[in-house]
Amino acid sequence: MEIEINRPKCAGHAICTILAPDVFDLDDEGKAVVLPTAAQVPGAEIRDAADACPALAIKLTAGV
């Protein structure tokens, strides 16, 4: 699974960091970033965090 953050859309609500702390964090600008540990996290946890984003800033695509 590939995770893409639409930085202009991200409003820094941080819900993703609460639901998937090993996947998302906020940078110095208050925008979500994907952590290197994301590859070890179950897809369901990542999908739940993406679905909960009020700004719809997280896009998931099937990885190769």
PDB file of N, CA and C in Angstrom:
ATOM      1  N   MET A   1       0.845  -1.174   0.000  1.00  0.00           N
ATOM      2  CA  MET A   1       0.000   0.000   0.000  1.00  0.00           C
ATOM      3  C   MET A   1       0.893   1.241   0.000  1.00  0.00           C
ATOM      4  N   GLU A   2       0.560   2.163  -0.868  1.00  0.00           N
ATOM      5  CA  GLU A   2       1.280   3.433  -0.908  1.00  0.00           C
ATOM      6  C   GLU A   2       0.413   4.510  -0.279  1.00  0.00           C
ATOM      7  N   ILE A   3       1.046   5.373   0.490  1.00  0.00           N
ATOM      8  CA  ILE A   3       0.346   6.430   1.212  1.00  0.00           C
ATOM      9  C   ILE A   3       0.833   7.771   0.683  1.00  0.00           C
ATOM     10  N   GLU A   4      -0.106   8.598   0.276  1.00  0.00           N
ATOM     11  CA  GLU A   4       0.233   9.931  -0.229  1.00  0.00           C
ATOM     12  C   GLU A   4      -0.505  10.973   0.604  1.00  0.00           C
ATOM     13  N   ILE A   5       0.219  11.987   1.048  1.00  0.00           N
ATOM     14  CA  ILE A   5      -0.377  13.097   1.792  1.00  0.00           C
ATOM     15  C   ILE A   5      -0.481  14.294   0.858  1.00  0.00           C
ATOM     16  N   ASN A   6      -1.685  14.817   0.709  1.00  0.00           N
ATOM     17  CA  ASN A   6      -1.886  16.043  -0.059  1.00  0.00           C
ATOM     18  C   ASN A   6      -1.628  17.198   0.908  1.00  0.00           C
ATOM     19  N   ARG A   7      -0.419  17.702   0.900  1.00  0.00           N
ATOM     20  CA  ARG A   7       0.000  18.710   1.883  1.00  0.00           C
ATOM     21  C   ARG A   7      -0.842  19.987   1.855  1.00  0.00           C
ATOM     22  N   PRO A   8      -1.236  20.490   0.700  1.00  0.00           N
ATOM     23  CA  PRO A   8      -2.084  21.679   0.709  1.00  0.00           C
ATOM     24  C   PRO A   8      -3.440  21.436   1.391  1.00  0.00           C
ATOM     25  N   LYS A   9      -3.954  20.211   1.286  1.00  0.00           N
ATOM     26  CA  LYS A   9      -5.235  19.886   1.914  1.00  0.00           C
ATOM     27  C   LYS A   9      -5.102  19.634   3.410  1.00  0.00           C
ATOM     28  N   CYS A  10      -3.951  19.128   3.846  1.00  0.00           N
ATOM     29  CA  CYS A  10      -3.765  18.756   5.247  1.00  0.00           C
ATOM     30  C   CYS A  10      -3.913  19.988   6.133  1.00  0.00           C
ATOM     31  N   ALA A  11      -4.823  19.882   7.106  1.00  0.00           N
ATOM     32  CA  ALA A  11      -5.076  20.997   8.019  1.00  0.00           C
ATOM     33  C   ALA A  11      -4.462  20.760   9.396  1.00  0.00           C
ATOM     34  N   GLY A  12      -3.730  19.666   9.557  1.00  0.00           N
ATOM     35  CA  GLY A  12      -3.045  19.408  10.820  1.00  0.00           C
ATOM     36  C   GLY A  12      -3.949  18.993  11.962  1.00  0.00           C
ATOM     37  N   HIS A  13      -5.078  18.380  11.658  1.00  0.00           N
ATOM     38  CA  HIS A  13      -5.986  17.918  12.710  1.00  0.00           C
ATOM     39  C   HIS A  13      -5.355  16.843  13.583  1.00  0.00           C
ATOM     40  N   ALA A  14      -4.408  16.092  13.038  1.00  0.00           N
ATOM     41  CA  ALA A  14      -3.630  15.061  13.736  1.00  0.00           C
ATOM     42  C   ALA A  14      -4.425  13.818  14.106  1.00  0.00           C
ATOM     43  N   ILE A  15      -5.593  13.638  13.551  1.00  0.00           N
ATOM     44  CA  ILE A  15      -6.358  12.426  13.821  1.00  0.00           C
ATOM     45  C   ILE A  15      -5.587  11.208  13.322  1.00  0.00           C
ATOM     46  N   CYS A  16      -4.912  11.339  12.205  1.00  0.00           N
ATOM     47  CA  CYS A  16      -4.126  10.228  11.663  1.00  0.00           C
ATOM     48  C   CYS A  16      -3.022   9.810  12.634  1.00  0.00           C
ATOM     49  N   THR A  17      -2.416  10.778  13.306  1.00  0.00           N
ATOM     50  CA  THR A  17      -1.335  10.455  14.242  1.00  0.00           C
ATOM     51  C   THR A  17      -1.865   9.750  15.491  1.00  0.00           C
ATOM     52  N   ILE A  18      -3.098  10.008  15.836  1.00  0.00           N
ATOM     53  CA  ILE A  18      -3.714   9.346  16.990  1.00  0.00           C
ATOM     54  C   ILE A  18      -4.107   7.912  16.626  1.00  0.00           C
ATOM     55  N   LEU A  19      -4.693   7.736  15.445  1.00  0.00           N
ATOM     56  CA  LEU A  19      -5.175   6.418  15.041  1.00  0.00           C
ATOM     57  C   LEU A  19      -4.067   5.498  14.528  1.00  0.00           C
ATOM     58  N   ALA A  20      -3.015   6.069  13.979  1.00  0.00           N
ATOM     59  CA  ALA A  20      -1.907   5.272  13.438  1.00  0.00           C
ATOM     60  C   ALA A  20      -0.577   5.963  13.746  1.00  0.00           C
ATOM     61  N   PRO A  21      -0.162   5.960  15.019  1.00  0.00           N
ATOM     62  CA  PRO A  21       1.050   6.686  15.411  1.00  0.00           C
ATOM     63  C   PRO A  21       2.348   6.137  14.829  1.00  0.00           C
ATOM     64  N   ASP A  22       2.344   4.887  14.367  1.00  0.00           N
ATOM     65  CA  ASP A  22       3.542   4.326  13.737  1.00  0.00           C
ATOM     66  C   ASP A  22       3.561   4.586  12.233  1.00  0.00           C
ATOM     67  N   VAL A  23       2.538   5.266  11.748  1.00  0.00           N
ATOM     68  CA  VAL A  23       2.432   5.565  10.320  1.00  0.00           C
ATOM     69  C   VAL A  23       2.575   7.061  10.053  1.00  0.00           C
ATOM     70  N   PHE A  24       1.915   7.878  10.865  1.00  0.00           N
ATOM     71  CA  PHE A  24       1.859   9.322  10.616  1.00  0.00           C
ATOM     72  C   PHE A  24       2.428  10.122  11.779  1.00  0.00           C
ATOM     73  N   ASP A  25       2.985  11.261  11.437  1.00  0.00           N
ATOM     74  CA  ASP A  25       3.428  12.252  12.418  1.00  0.00           C
ATOM     75  C   ASP A  25       3.201  13.616  11.780  1.00  0.00           C
ATOM     76  N   LEU A  26       3.313  14.669  12.569  1.00  0.00           N
ATOM     77  CA  LEU A  26       3.218  16.021  12.031  1.00  0.00           C
ATOM     78  C   LEU A  26       4.617  16.618  11.965  1.00  0.00           C
ATOM     79  N   ASP A  27       4.898  17.327  10.883  1.00  0.00           N
ATOM     80  CA  ASP A  27       6.200  17.974  10.741  1.00  0.00           C
ATOM     81  C   ASP A  27       6.181  19.359  11.387  1.00  0.00           C
ATOM     82  N   ASP A  28       7.239  20.112  11.189  1.00  0.00           N
ATOM     83  CA  ASP A  28       7.362  21.444  11.791  1.00  0.00           C
ATOM     84  C   ASP A  28       6.313  22.435  11.288  1.00  0.00           C
ATOM     85  N   GLU A  29       5.713  22.141  10.144  1.00  0.00           N
ATOM     86  CA  GLU A  29       4.669  23.001   9.588  1.00  0.00           C
ATOM     87  C   GLU A  29       3.277  22.568  10.038  1.00  0.00           C
ATOM     88  N   GLY A  30       3.208  21.492  10.853  1.00  0.00           N
ATOM     89  CA  GLY A  30       1.921  20.994  11.313  1.00  0.00           C
ATOM     90  C   GLY A  30       1.188  20.162  10.273  1.00  0.00           C
ATOM     91  N   LYS A  31       1.923  19.666   9.298  1.00  0.00           N
ATOM     92  CA  LYS A  31       1.352  18.842   8.231  1.00  0.00           C
ATOM     93  C   LYS A  31       1.730  17.387   8.464  1.00  0.00           C
ATOM     94  N   ALA A  32       0.844  16.480   8.053  1.00  0.00           N
ATOM     95  CA  ALA A  32       1.101  15.055   8.216  1.00  0.00           C
ATOM     96  C   ALA A  32       2.231  14.597   7.301  1.00  0.00           C
ATOM     97  N   VAL A  33       3.029  13.681   7.827  1.00  0.00           N
ATOM     98  CA  VAL A  33       4.082  13.012   7.061  1.00  0.00           C
ATOM     99  C   VAL A  33       3.984  11.517   7.348  1.00  0.00           C
ATOM    100  N   VAL A  34       4.465  10.723   6.418  1.00  0.00           N
ATOM    101  CA  VAL A  34       4.466   9.273   6.572  1.00  0.00           C
ATOM    102  C   VAL A  34       5.809   8.857   7.167  1.00  0.00           C
ATOM    103  N   LEU A  35       5.755   8.043   8.206  1.00  0.00           N
ATOM    104  CA  LEU A  35       6.957   7.570   8.884  1.00  0.00           C
ATOM    105  C   LEU A  35       7.525   6.327   8.200  1.00  0.00           C
ATOM    106  N   PRO A  36       8.830   6.095   8.342  1.00  0.00           N
ATOM    107  CA  PRO A  36       9.442   4.895   7.756  1.00  0.00           C
ATOM    108  C   PRO A  36       8.860   3.594   8.317  1.00  0.00           C
ATOM    109  N   THR A  37       8.301   3.632   9.497  1.00  0.00           N
ATOM    110  CA  THR A  37       7.738   2.426  10.124  1.00  0.00           C
ATOM    111  C   THR A  37       6.379   2.039   9.539  1.00  0.00           C
ATOM    112  N   ALA A  38       5.859   2.817   8.627  1.00  0.00           N
ATOM    113  CA  ALA A  38       4.531   2.559   8.057  1.00  0.00           C
ATOM    114  C   ALA A  38       4.434   1.190   7.388  1.00  0.00           C
ATOM    115  N   ALA A  39       5.516   0.709   6.834  1.00  0.00           N
ATOM    116  CA  ALA A  39       5.489  -0.566   6.108  1.00  0.00           C
ATOM    117  C   ALA A  39       5.152  -1.744   7.015  1.00  0.00           C
ATOM    118  N   GLN A  40       5.386  -1.624   8.318  1.00  0.00           N
ATOM    119  CA  GLN A  40       5.116  -2.725   9.245  1.00  0.00           C
ATOM    120  C   GLN A  40       3.719  -2.672   9.860  1.00  0.00           C
ATOM    121  N   VAL A  41       2.932  -1.679   9.522  1.00  0.00           N
ATOM    122  CA  VAL A  41       1.612  -1.480  10.138  1.00  0.00           C
ATOM    123  C   VAL A  41       0.533  -2.151   9.291  1.00  0.00           C
ATOM    124  N   PRO A  42      -0.413  -2.839   9.940  1.00  0.00           N
ATOM    125  CA  PRO A  42      -1.502  -3.476   9.188  1.00  0.00           C
ATOM    126  C   PRO A  42      -2.291  -2.462   8.353  1.00  0.00           C
ATOM    127  N   GLY A  43      -2.678  -2.897   7.164  1.00  0.00           N
ATOM    128  CA  GLY A  43      -3.408  -2.021   6.243  1.00  0.00           C
ATOM    129  C   GLY A  43      -4.698  -1.477   6.810  1.00  0.00           C
ATOM    130  N   ALA A  44      -5.386  -2.275   7.635  1.00  0.00           N
ATOM    131  CA  ALA A  44      -6.654  -1.816   8.213  1.00  0.00           C
ATOM    132  C   ALA A  44      -6.448  -0.584   9.089  1.00  0.00           C
ATOM    133  N   GLU A  45      -5.362  -0.546   9.839  1.00  0.00           N
ATOM    134  CA  GLU A  45      -5.078   0.608  10.704  1.00  0.00           C
ATOM    135  C   GLU A  45      -4.812   1.851   9.860  1.00  0.00           C
ATOM    136  N   ILE A  46      -4.093   1.672   8.768  1.00  0.00           N
ATOM    137  CA  ILE A  46      -3.794   2.793   7.877  1.00  0.00           C
ATOM    138  C   ILE A  46      -5.070   3.294   7.204  1.00  0.00           C
ATOM    139  N   ARG A  47      -5.909   2.369   6.742  1.00  0.00           N
ATOM    140  CA  ARG A  47      -7.178   2.756   6.094  1.00  0.00           C
ATOM    141  C   ARG A  47      -8.087   3.498   7.069  1.00  0.00           C
ATOM    142  N   ASP A  48      -8.150   3.030   8.318  1.00  0.00           N
ATOM    143  CA  ASP A  48      -8.985   3.703   9.322  1.00  0.00           C
ATOM    144  C   ASP A  48      -8.524   5.141   9.535  1.00  0.00           C
ATOM    145  N   ALA A  49      -7.220   5.334   9.615  1.00  0.00           N
ATOM    146  CA  ALA A  49      -6.682   6.682   9.809  1.00  0.00           C
ATOM    147  C   ALA A  49      -6.964   7.562   8.594  1.00  0.00           C
ATOM    148  N   ALA A  50      -6.792   7.009   7.405  1.00  0.00           N
ATOM    149  CA  ALA A  50      -7.059   7.780   6.181  1.00  0.00           C
ATOM    150  C   ALA A  50      -8.529   8.143   6.078  1.00  0.00           C
ATOM    151  N   ASP A  51      -9.403   7.199   6.406  1.00  0.00           N
ATOM    152  CA  ASP A  51     -10.845   7.454   6.340  1.00  0.00           C
ATOM    153  C   ASP A  51     -11.293   8.501   7.353  1.00  0.00           C
ATOM    154  N   ALA A  52     -10.562   8.616   8.456  1.00  0.00           N
ATOM    155  CA  ALA A  52     -10.936   9.555   9.513  1.00  0.00           C
ATOM    156  C   ALA A  52     -10.442  10.983   9.259  1.00  0.00           C
ATOM    157  N   CYS A  53      -9.622  11.170   8.245  1.00  0.00           N
ATOM    158  CA  CYS A  53      -9.070  12.505   7.965  1.00  0.00           C
ATOM    159  C   CYS A  53     -10.197  13.448   7.532  1.00  0.00           C
ATOM    160  N   PRO A  54     -10.485  14.488   8.329  1.00  0.00           N
ATOM    161  CA  PRO A  54     -11.578  15.397   7.967  1.00  0.00           C
ATOM    162  C   PRO A  54     -11.286  16.238   6.718  1.00  0.00           C
ATOM    163  N   ALA A  55     -10.011  16.399   6.392  1.00  0.00           N
ATOM    164  CA  ALA A  55      -9.641  17.186   5.215  1.00  0.00           C
ATOM    165  C   ALA A  55      -9.496  16.326   3.959  1.00  0.00           C
ATOM    166  N   LEU A  56      -9.656  14.997   4.106  1.00  0.00           N
ATOM    167  CA  LEU A  56      -9.490  14.065   2.991  1.00  0.00           C
ATOM    168  C   LEU A  56      -8.134  14.237   2.321  1.00  0.00           C
ATOM    169  N   ALA A  57      -7.104  14.418   3.152  1.00  0.00           N
ATOM    170  CA  ALA A  57      -5.760  14.692   2.633  1.00  0.00           C
ATOM    171  C   ALA A  57      -4.903  13.445   2.442  1.00  0.00           C
ATOM    172  N   ILE A  58      -5.406  12.268   2.857  1.00  0.00           N
ATOM    173  CA  ILE A  58      -4.618  11.040   2.756  1.00  0.00           C
ATOM    174  C   ILE A  58      -5.203  10.162   1.649  1.00  0.00           C
ATOM    175  N   LYS A  59      -4.340   9.810   0.701  1.00  0.00           N
ATOM    176  CA  LYS A  59      -4.755   8.958  -0.406  1.00  0.00           C
ATOM    177  C   LYS A  59      -3.973   7.653  -0.317  1.00  0.00           C
ATOM    178  N   LEU A  60      -4.681   6.534  -0.425  1.00  0.00           N
ATOM    179  CA  LEU A  60      -4.064   5.218  -0.394  1.00  0.00           C
ATOM    180  C   LEU A  60      -4.207   4.575  -1.763  1.00  0.00           C
ATOM    181  N   THR A  61      -3.137   3.966  -2.235  1.00  0.00           N
ATOM    182  CA  THR A  61      -3.179   3.234  -3.487  1.00  0.00           C
ATOM    183  C   THR A  61      -2.518   1.874  -3.281  1.00  0.00           C
ATOM    184  N   ALA A  62      -2.909   0.920  -4.091  1.00  0.00           N
ATOM    185  CA  ALA A  62      -2.324  -0.408  -3.995  1.00  0.00           C
ATOM    186  C   ALA A  62      -0.862  -0.340  -4.427  1.00  0.00           C
ATOM    187  N   GLY A  63       0.013  -0.933  -3.627  1.00  0.00           N
ATOM    188  CA  GLY A  63       1.434  -0.973  -3.955  1.00  0.00           C
ATOM    189  C   GLY A  63       1.739  -2.134  -4.879  1.00  0.00           C
ATOM    190  N   VAL A  64       2.880  -2.078  -5.503  1.00  0.00           N
ATOM    191  CA  VAL A  64       3.278  -3.142  -6.429  1.00  0.00           C
ATOM    192  C   VAL A  64       3.982  -4.244  -5.673  1.00  0.00           C
TER     193      VAL A  64
END
